[in-house]
Amino acid sequence: MTESQSFWPVECAQGEPDLFVCLTCFDEVFKAKMPVDGCPSCGAIAAFEPFSIDAIREWGTEDLIRKAEQLPSSSSSSSSKPGSDQATPSI
């Protein structure tokens, strides 16, 4: 399985959780995106829910916490992206 995976982007408001965890297997986590074809570990579709890194640290497995911590910085340091301090207008 070396093929690249397709993802749906997920827009998260500043300060809202942006780490999406599979609630079926609790083995996969993605930042501000969800896999189009379902969870790569268990195949579950529409089983992802957003959590903060702090919440994942409270209840996640060591492996899940490690995966979450290896993702680019979550909302706790959103200033890493240029222009991230500007609000996105809602229409």
C-alpha atoms as a PDB file:
ATOM      1  CA  MET A   1       0.000   0.000   0.000  1.00  0.00           C
ATOM      2  CA  THR A   2       2.413   2.645  -1.141  1.00  0.00           C
ATOM      3  CA  GLU A   3      -0.263   4.537  -3.099  1.00  0.00           C
ATOM      4  CA  SER A   4      -0.949   8.044  -1.864  1.00  0.00           C
ATOM      5  CA  GLN A   5      -4.181   8.489   0.008  1.00  0.00           C
ATOM      6  CA  SER A   6      -6.860  11.068  -0.890  1.00  0.00           C
ATOM      7  CA  PHE A   7      -8.220  13.358   1.808  1.00  0.00           C
ATOM      8  CA  TRP A   8     -11.142  15.707   2.340  1.00  0.00           C
ATOM      9  CA  PRO A   9      -9.899  19.017   3.785  1.00  0.00           C
ATOM     10  CA  VAL A  10     -11.692  20.135   6.951  1.00  0.00           C
ATOM     11  CA  GLU A  11     -11.814  23.801   7.863  1.00  0.00           C
ATOM     12  CA  CYS A  12     -11.566  24.394  11.587  1.00  0.00           C
ATOM     13  CA  ALA A  13     -12.184  27.735  13.245  1.00  0.00           C
ATOM     14  CA  GLN A  14      -9.292  29.130  15.247  1.00  0.00           C
ATOM     15  CA  GLY A  15      -9.296  27.624  18.721  1.00  0.00           C
ATOM     16  CA  GLU A  16     -11.465  24.635  17.742  1.00  0.00           C
ATOM     17  CA  PRO A  17     -10.102  21.063  17.711  1.00  0.00           C
ATOM     18  CA  ASP A  18      -8.414  20.152  14.422  1.00  0.00           C
ATOM     19  CA  LEU A  19      -7.139  16.624  15.065  1.00  0.00           C
ATOM     20  CA  PHE A  20      -9.540  14.044  13.637  1.00  0.00           C
ATOM     21  CA  VAL A  21      -9.435  10.639  15.348  1.00  0.00           C
ATOM     22  CA  CYS A  22     -11.068   7.430  14.086  1.00  0.00           C
ATOM     23  CA  LEU A  23     -13.580   6.475  16.782  1.00  0.00           C
ATOM     24  CA  THR A  24     -13.825   2.904  15.528  1.00  0.00           C
ATOM     25  CA  CYS A  25     -10.216   1.807  16.048  1.00  0.00           C
ATOM     26  CA  PHE A  26      -8.660   4.804  17.882  1.00  0.00           C
ATOM     27  CA  ASP A  27      -5.516   4.144  15.842  1.00  0.00           C
ATOM     28  CA  GLU A  28      -5.487   6.960  13.269  1.00  0.00           C
ATOM     29  CA  VAL A  29      -5.354  10.736  13.611  1.00  0.00           C
ATOM     30  CA  PHE A  30      -5.213  13.419  10.917  1.00  0.00           C
ATOM     31  CA  LYS A  31      -4.822  17.197  11.128  1.00  0.00           C
ATOM     32  CA  ALA A  32      -7.618  19.199   9.472  1.00  0.00           C
ATOM     33  CA  LYS A  33      -8.370  16.423   6.976  1.00  0.00           C
ATOM     34  CA  MET A  34     -10.132  13.070   6.728  1.00  0.00           C
ATOM     35  CA  PRO A  35      -9.373  10.154   4.390  1.00  0.00           C
ATOM     36  CA  VAL A  36     -11.804   9.876   1.465  1.00  0.00           C
ATOM     37  CA  ASP A  37     -11.730   6.071   1.442  1.00  0.00           C
ATOM     38  CA  GLY A  38     -12.169   5.660   5.195  1.00  0.00           C
ATOM     39  CA  CYS A  39      -9.752   4.839   7.971  1.00  0.00           C
ATOM     40  CA  PRO A  40      -6.540   3.265   6.672  1.00  0.00           C
ATOM     41  CA  SER A  41      -6.371   0.974   9.718  1.00  0.00           C
ATOM     42  CA  CYS A  42      -9.935  -0.341  10.001  1.00  0.00           C
ATOM     43  CA  GLY A  43     -11.772   0.950   6.918  1.00  0.00           C
ATOM     44  CA  ALA A  44     -14.450   2.808   8.910  1.00  0.00           C
ATOM     45  CA  ILE A  45     -16.203   5.564   6.995  1.00  0.00           C
ATOM     46  CA  ALA A  46     -17.524   8.720   8.693  1.00  0.00           C
ATOM     47  CA  ALA A  47     -16.086   7.634  12.039  1.00  0.00           C
ATOM     48  CA  PHE A  48     -13.779  10.613  12.594  1.00  0.00           C
ATOM     49  CA  GLU A  49     -14.357  13.237  15.282  1.00  0.00           C
ATOM     50  CA  PRO A  50     -12.283  16.331  16.141  1.00  0.00           C
ATOM     51  CA  PHE A  51     -10.242  16.538  19.344  1.00  0.00           C
ATOM     52  CA  SER A  52      -7.540  18.811  20.729  1.00  0.00           C
ATOM     53  CA  ILE A  53      -4.061  17.461  21.442  1.00  0.00           C
ATOM     54  CA  ASP A  54      -4.762  17.925  25.178  1.00  0.00           C
ATOM     55  CA  ALA A  55      -7.898  15.769  24.977  1.00  0.00           C
ATOM     56  CA  ILE A  56      -6.033  13.055  23.069  1.00  0.00           C
ATOM     57  CA  ARG A  57      -3.298  13.087  25.726  1.00  0.00           C
ATOM     58  CA  GLU A  58      -5.963  12.489  28.405  1.00  0.00           C
ATOM     59  CA  TRP A  59      -7.512   9.337  26.930  1.00  0.00           C
ATOM     60  CA  GLY A  60      -5.506   8.248  23.886  1.00  0.00           C
ATOM     61  CA  THR A  61      -3.250   5.240  23.611  1.00  0.00           C
ATOM     62  CA  GLU A  62       0.505   5.860  23.629  1.00  0.00           C
ATOM     63  CA  ASP A  63       0.594   5.167  19.890  1.00  0.00           C
ATOM     64  CA  LEU A  64      -2.265   7.583  19.130  1.00  0.00           C
ATOM     65  CA  ILE A  65      -0.691  10.309  21.280  1.00  0.00           C
ATOM     66  CA  ARG A  66       2.638   9.824  19.507  1.00  0.00           C
ATOM     67  CA  LYS A  67       0.957  10.076  16.087  1.00  0.00           C
ATOM     68  CA  ALA A  68      -0.914  13.232  17.115  1.00  0.00           C
ATOM     69  CA  GLU A  69       2.231  14.859  18.485  1.00  0.00           C
ATOM     70  CA  GLN A  70       4.117  14.143  15.242  1.00  0.00           C
ATOM     71  CA  LEU A  71       1.573  16.078  13.163  1.00  0.00           C
ATOM     72  CA  PRO A  72       2.283  19.739  12.389  1.00  0.00           C
ATOM     73  CA  SER A  73       1.480  21.988  15.335  1.00  0.00           C
ATOM     74  CA  SER A  74      -2.190  22.101  16.199  1.00  0.00           C
ATOM     75  CA  SER A  75      -4.183  25.196  17.101  1.00  0.00           C
ATOM     76  CA  SER A  76      -2.097  25.810  20.222  1.00  0.00           C
ATOM     77  CA  SER A  77       0.575  27.349  17.978  1.00  0.00           C
ATOM     78  CA  SER A  78      -1.438  28.520  14.990  1.00  0.00           C
ATOM     79  CA  SER A  79       0.961  31.389  14.361  1.00  0.00           C
ATOM     80  CA  SER A  80       3.205  29.033  12.381  1.00  0.00           C
ATOM     81  CA  LYS A  81       1.201  29.795   9.214  1.00  0.00           C
ATOM     82  CA  PRO A  82       1.427  33.252   7.666  1.00  0.00           C
ATOM     83  CA  GLY A  83      -1.920  35.015   7.910  1.00  0.00           C
ATOM     84  CA  SER A  84      -3.331  32.485  10.353  1.00  0.00           C
ATOM     85  CA  ASP A  85      -4.211  35.287  12.759  1.00  0.00           C
ATOM     86  CA  GLN A  86      -6.756  36.645  10.292  1.00  0.00           C
ATOM     87  CA  ALA A  87     -10.328  35.468  10.608  1.00  0.00           C
ATOM     88  CA  THR A  88     -11.816  33.650   7.640  1.00  0.00           C
ATOM     89  CA  PRO A  89     -15.006  35.430   6.589  1.00  0.00           C
ATOM     90  CA  SER A  90     -18.209  33.398   6.772  1.00  0.00           C
ATOM     91  CA  ILE A  91     -20.802  33.947   4.078  1.00  0.00           C
END
